[in-house]
Amino acid sequence: MSDFGSAVSKTFMLGEATVMLGAQADLYLLTPNINGVGLVKNFSLKGDVGFVDLTQGVQNQIIDSTKNKSQLNSTFEVYEYTAKNIAYALGIDGSSIVTSTLVATTTASAVTGTVASPDMSLPLTSATEFGVGNWILAQGATADQIYVDKIASIATNVLTLTYGIPDSLASGALVRLATNIDLASTVDQPYLSMAAVGKLRDGTLVRVNVPKIRITKGFTMAFDTKNYGNLPFEATVYNLVQSDPNYANFRTRAAELVMA
């Protein structure tokens, strides 16, 4: 057997990665439980390096070159459609969405008595977890009768709504605290930090720390009965300026790879 091209170690690349996103200043504080985006497939971090050449002679022989481009970009597929992940996909600061509002069904209450249509008042068994300005989802008699409204005021356990429910609600109908996320927002998106962790086939632990990114593509929502959907994230990596957190550690680089 030929020895050409034979392996000299077991540090092969095959596996999965945990990806974490958060505020720029929290780069070294990112944890899977708080900042992880959940199920991720096909994480990739690619470098694009360019050079400008100096040539001489009729044959334009290259005698020197200088690096004039060093760019990193990352792509990965996110499968969990939480409010936080959808916000990130839309270029919104998902780190500002607290854990308790990640899923619309986190807080739910039931309607007491029958609510006529239309009605601006919504009596609940408990309004403890609801607040003025919160968005709610009210579930009607069938699965697709879902109504959205904003709480204008609260008196004891009665919600006064901004728009009103356009259908009658039976006693016991569920009302859930919801998260309202802007689509196609015109607000400039924030810079974030990103960390990805995984391990090589021989057990070598790997963590990539990226102090400044923006999710520049990623939002797709398709209700499909054949395949599980995903959010195809594309992250652009930026070099730091002096006013950025962690500038002293990254002044000559855009990211770091740590292995042990």
Protein backbone atom coordinates (compact mmCIF):
# COMPACT_ATOMS: atom_id res chain seq x y z
CA MET A 1 0.00 0.00 0.00
CA SER A 2 1.29 3.47 -0.89
CA ASP A 3 2.10 5.92 1.91
CA PHE A 4 1.31 8.92 -0.28
CA GLY A 5 -1.43 10.99 1.26
CA SER A 6 -1.66 8.80 4.35
CA ALA A 7 -3.06 10.29 7.56
CA VAL A 8 -0.65 11.43 10.26
CA SER A 9 -3.34 12.13 12.89
CA LYS A 10 -7.02 11.57 13.65
CA THR A 11 -8.04 15.22 13.65
CA PHE A 12 -10.70 14.70 10.99
CA MET A 13 -13.63 17.05 10.47
CA LEU A 14 -16.98 15.34 10.78
CA GLY A 15 -19.64 16.41 13.21
CA GLU A 16 -22.06 19.07 14.34
CA ALA A 17 -21.66 22.51 15.90
CA THR A 18 -23.47 24.53 18.53
CA VAL A 19 -23.88 28.14 17.44
CA MET A 20 -24.40 31.00 19.90
CA LEU A 21 -25.34 34.61 19.18
CA GLY A 22 -25.44 37.60 21.50
CA ALA A 23 -24.46 41.17 22.16
CA GLN A 24 -20.99 42.24 21.03
CA ALA A 25 -19.71 42.80 24.55
CA ASP A 26 -20.81 39.27 25.60
CA LEU A 27 -18.51 37.33 23.25
CA TYR A 28 -16.70 35.43 26.01
CA LEU A 29 -19.91 35.06 28.04
CA LEU A 30 -21.96 33.26 25.38
CA THR A 31 -23.39 29.95 26.61
CA PRO A 32 -25.44 27.25 24.81
CA ASN A 33 -28.32 27.44 27.30
CA ILE A 34 -28.83 31.19 27.02
CA ASN A 35 -27.42 32.12 23.62
CA GLY A 36 -27.65 28.92 21.58
CA VAL A 37 -29.88 28.91 18.48
CA GLY A 38 -30.71 25.21 18.87
CA LEU A 39 -30.57 22.62 16.11
CA VAL A 40 -28.02 23.70 13.50
CA LYS A 41 -26.88 21.91 10.37
CA ASN A 42 -24.10 22.59 7.89
CA PHE A 43 -22.24 25.26 9.85
CA SER A 44 -19.47 26.71 7.72
CA LEU A 45 -16.94 29.48 8.27
CA LYS A 46 -15.04 30.38 5.11
CA GLY A 47 -12.11 32.70 4.52
CA ASP A 48 -11.59 34.68 1.33
CA VAL A 49 -8.07 36.04 0.90
CA GLY A 50 -6.94 38.24 -2.00
CA PHE A 51 -3.60 39.60 -3.18
CA VAL A 52 -2.44 42.35 -5.49
CA ASP A 53 0.62 41.39 -7.52
CA LEU A 54 3.65 43.33 -8.75
CA THR A 55 4.93 42.08 -12.10
CA GLN A 56 7.90 42.80 -14.34
CA GLY A 57 8.98 42.21 -17.89
CA VAL A 58 7.17 41.32 -21.06
CA GLN A 59 5.98 38.06 -19.48
CA ASN A 60 4.61 39.91 -16.44
CA GLN A 61 6.38 37.64 -14.01
CA ILE A 62 5.18 38.05 -10.45
CA ILE A 63 7.97 39.34 -8.22
CA ASP A 64 5.99 40.45 -5.19
CA SER A 65 2.48 40.45 -3.80
CA THR A 66 0.61 42.15 -1.00
CA LYS A 67 -2.51 40.93 0.72
CA ASN A 68 -5.37 43.29 -0.05
CA LYS A 69 -8.34 41.22 1.14
CA SER A 70 -9.00 39.01 4.15
CA GLN A 71 -12.70 38.34 4.64
CA LEU A 72 -14.64 35.77 6.68
CA ASN A 73 -18.23 34.71 6.09
CA SER A 74 -20.36 32.11 7.80
CA THR A 75 -23.41 30.13 6.74
CA PHE A 76 -25.55 27.70 8.75
CA GLU A 77 -29.08 26.34 8.79
CA VAL A 78 -31.17 27.00 11.91
CA TYR A 79 -34.17 24.70 12.39
CA GLU A 80 -35.87 26.05 15.50
CA TYR A 81 -38.36 28.83 14.71
CA THR A 82 -38.26 30.56 18.08
CA ALA A 83 -39.00 34.28 18.31
CA LYS A 84 -35.32 34.90 19.11
CA ASN A 85 -34.07 32.97 16.06
CA ILE A 86 -36.60 34.59 13.73
CA ALA A 87 -35.53 38.02 14.99
CA TYR A 88 -31.88 37.20 14.28
CA ALA A 89 -32.82 35.97 10.80
CA LEU A 90 -34.54 39.30 10.14
CA GLY A 91 -31.50 41.31 11.22
CA ILE A 92 -33.09 42.29 14.54
CA ASP A 93 -31.31 42.03 17.89
CA GLY A 94 -32.73 38.75 19.12
CA SER A 95 -30.64 38.98 22.30
CA SER A 96 -33.14 41.58 23.56
CA ILE A 97 -35.93 38.97 23.53
CA VAL A 98 -36.03 37.42 26.99
CA THR A 99 -36.36 33.67 27.51
CA SER A 100 -39.95 33.92 28.83
CA THR A 101 -41.22 35.21 25.47
CA LEU A 102 -39.31 32.85 23.17
CA VAL A 103 -42.44 30.82 22.49
CA ALA A 104 -45.95 32.29 22.19
CA THR A 105 -47.44 29.55 24.38
CA THR A 106 -45.22 30.30 27.38
CA THR A 107 -47.97 32.21 29.21
CA ALA A 108 -51.62 31.31 28.68
CA SER A 109 -54.93 32.08 30.37
CA ALA A 110 -58.53 31.14 29.70
CA VAL A 111 -61.56 33.26 28.89
CA THR A 112 -64.21 33.36 31.61
CA GLY A 113 -67.72 33.43 30.20
CA THR A 114 -68.65 33.91 26.55
CA VAL A 115 -67.19 36.87 24.68
CA ALA A 116 -69.53 38.30 22.06
CA SER A 117 -68.37 39.58 18.69
CA PRO A 118 -67.03 42.17 18.39
CA ASP A 119 -65.88 42.93 21.92
CA MET A 120 -63.11 45.18 23.24
CA SER A 121 -63.05 43.48 26.65
CA LEU A 122 -61.56 40.09 27.37
CA PRO A 123 -62.18 38.61 30.86
CA LEU A 124 -59.56 36.04 31.90
CA THR A 125 -59.13 33.61 34.74
CA SER A 126 -55.84 35.38 35.48
CA ALA A 127 -54.07 38.37 33.92
CA THR A 128 -51.06 38.25 36.24
CA GLU A 129 -48.50 37.63 33.49
CA PHE A 130 -50.03 40.10 31.04
CA GLY A 131 -49.11 43.77 30.79
CA VAL A 132 -50.29 46.91 29.01
CA GLY A 133 -48.73 47.03 25.55
CA ASN A 134 -48.31 43.24 25.34
CA TRP A 135 -49.49 41.40 22.26
CA ILE A 136 -51.82 38.43 22.66
CA LEU A 137 -53.08 35.52 20.56
CA ALA A 138 -56.64 34.35 21.18
CA GLN A 139 -57.67 30.88 20.01
CA GLY A 140 -61.20 30.54 18.59
CA ALA A 141 -63.34 27.46 18.11
CA THR A 142 -61.25 25.97 15.29
CA ALA A 143 -57.49 25.60 14.86
CA ASP A 144 -57.19 28.40 12.30
CA GLN A 145 -59.31 30.94 14.22
CA ILE A 146 -56.37 32.81 15.73
CA TYR A 147 -56.78 36.47 16.55
CA VAL A 148 -54.10 39.01 17.35
CA ASP A 149 -54.56 42.07 19.53
CA LYS A 150 -52.69 44.50 21.74
CA ILE A 151 -53.58 45.18 25.37
CA ALA A 152 -54.66 48.80 25.89
CA SER A 153 -55.36 48.51 29.63
CA ILE A 154 -55.99 45.97 32.39
CA ALA A 155 -58.49 46.14 35.25
CA THR A 156 -58.28 43.19 37.66
CA ASN A 157 -58.43 40.23 35.21
CA VAL A 158 -60.15 42.01 32.33
CA LEU A 159 -58.11 43.05 29.30
CA THR A 160 -59.22 46.07 27.28
CA LEU A 161 -58.09 45.51 23.71
CA THR A 162 -56.86 47.92 21.07
CA TYR A 163 -58.66 46.42 18.06
CA GLY A 164 -61.22 43.97 19.40
CA ILE A 165 -61.88 40.28 18.75
CA PRO A 166 -63.85 39.88 15.45
CA ASP A 167 -65.45 36.61 16.54
CA SER A 168 -67.15 35.15 19.59
CA LEU A 169 -64.99 33.26 22.08
CA ALA A 170 -66.39 30.48 24.24
CA SER A 171 -65.64 30.16 27.94
CA GLY A 172 -62.30 28.39 28.35
CA ALA A 173 -60.81 29.69 25.07
CA LEU A 174 -57.08 30.18 25.45
CA VAL A 175 -55.41 33.57 25.33
CA ARG A 176 -51.63 33.53 25.06
CA LEU A 177 -48.93 36.12 25.59
CA ALA A 178 -47.27 36.64 22.21
CA THR A 179 -44.14 38.19 20.74
CA ASN A 180 -44.56 40.69 17.91
CA ILE A 181 -41.64 40.66 15.46
CA ASP A 182 -41.08 43.25 12.73
CA LEU A 183 -40.82 41.96 9.17
CA ALA A 184 -38.80 43.92 6.60
CA SER A 185 -37.87 46.46 9.27
CA THR A 186 -36.27 49.70 8.09
CA VAL A 187 -34.34 50.04 11.36
CA ASP A 188 -30.59 49.52 10.97
CA GLN A 189 -29.60 46.13 12.31
CA PRO A 190 -27.17 45.76 15.21
CA TYR A 191 -23.75 44.16 15.32
CA LEU A 192 -23.59 40.90 17.25
CA SER A 193 -20.99 38.44 18.48
CA MET A 194 -20.98 34.76 17.55
CA ALA A 195 -19.36 31.62 18.92
CA ALA A 196 -19.44 28.13 17.45
CA VAL A 197 -18.27 25.03 19.33
CA GLY A 198 -17.75 21.47 18.22
CA LYS A 199 -15.22 18.69 18.27
CA LEU A 200 -13.14 16.80 15.76
CA ARG A 201 -13.31 13.03 15.29
CA ASP A 202 -10.45 12.44 17.73
CA GLY A 203 -12.20 14.45 20.47
CA THR A 204 -10.27 17.69 19.95
CA LEU A 205 -12.46 20.54 21.24
CA VAL A 206 -12.89 23.55 18.98
CA ARG A 207 -14.40 26.97 19.66
CA VAL A 208 -14.56 29.81 17.15
CA ASN A 209 -15.04 33.32 18.60
CA VAL A 210 -16.23 36.02 16.23
CA PRO A 211 -16.55 39.44 17.91
CA LYS A 212 -18.48 41.34 15.24
CA ILE A 213 -21.05 40.00 12.79
CA ARG A 214 -24.35 40.82 11.20
CA ILE A 215 -26.91 38.28 10.03
CA THR A 216 -27.25 39.62 6.48
CA LYS A 217 -29.56 36.88 5.17
CA GLY A 218 -31.63 34.21 6.78
CA PHE A 219 -35.39 34.68 6.98
CA THR A 220 -37.50 32.09 5.19
CA MET A 221 -40.92 30.91 6.33
CA ALA A 222 -42.54 28.24 4.21
CA PHE A 223 -45.29 25.97 5.53
CA ASP A 224 -44.40 22.74 3.74
CA THR A 225 -45.85 19.26 4.28
CA LYS A 226 -42.87 17.44 2.74
CA ASN A 227 -39.75 18.76 4.47
CA TYR A 228 -38.78 20.49 7.69
CA GLY A 229 -38.08 24.16 7.09
CA ASN A 230 -34.99 26.03 8.21
CA LEU A 231 -33.63 29.54 8.49
CA PRO A 232 -30.61 29.70 6.12
CA PHE A 233 -28.40 32.14 8.03
CA GLU A 234 -25.62 34.06 6.32
CA ALA A 235 -23.34 36.01 8.66
CA THR A 236 -20.96 38.69 7.46
CA VAL A 237 -17.88 39.07 9.65
CA TYR A 238 -16.48 42.54 10.32
CA ASN A 239 -13.17 43.79 11.65
CA LEU A 240 -13.32 45.86 14.80
CA VAL A 241 -12.79 49.58 15.25
CA GLN A 242 -11.40 51.15 18.40
CA SER A 243 -14.83 51.84 19.88
CA ASP A 244 -15.88 48.17 19.66
CA PRO A 245 -15.76 45.80 22.64
CA ASN A 246 -12.72 43.47 22.65
CA TYR A 247 -10.82 45.70 20.20
CA ALA A 248 -7.49 45.18 22.00
CA ASN A 249 -7.75 41.42 21.52
CA PHE A 250 -8.85 41.54 17.87
CA ARG A 251 -7.14 44.62 16.45
CA THR A 252 -5.23 42.57 13.84
CA ARG A 253 -7.78 39.82 13.22
CA ALA A 254 -11.49 39.31 12.65
CA ALA A 255 -11.94 36.12 14.69
CA GLU A 256 -10.09 33.44 16.63
CA LEU A 257 -10.00 29.65 16.59
CA VAL A 258 -9.25 27.93 19.91
CA MET A 259 -8.44 24.19 20.02
CA ALA A 260 -7.59 21.87 22.89
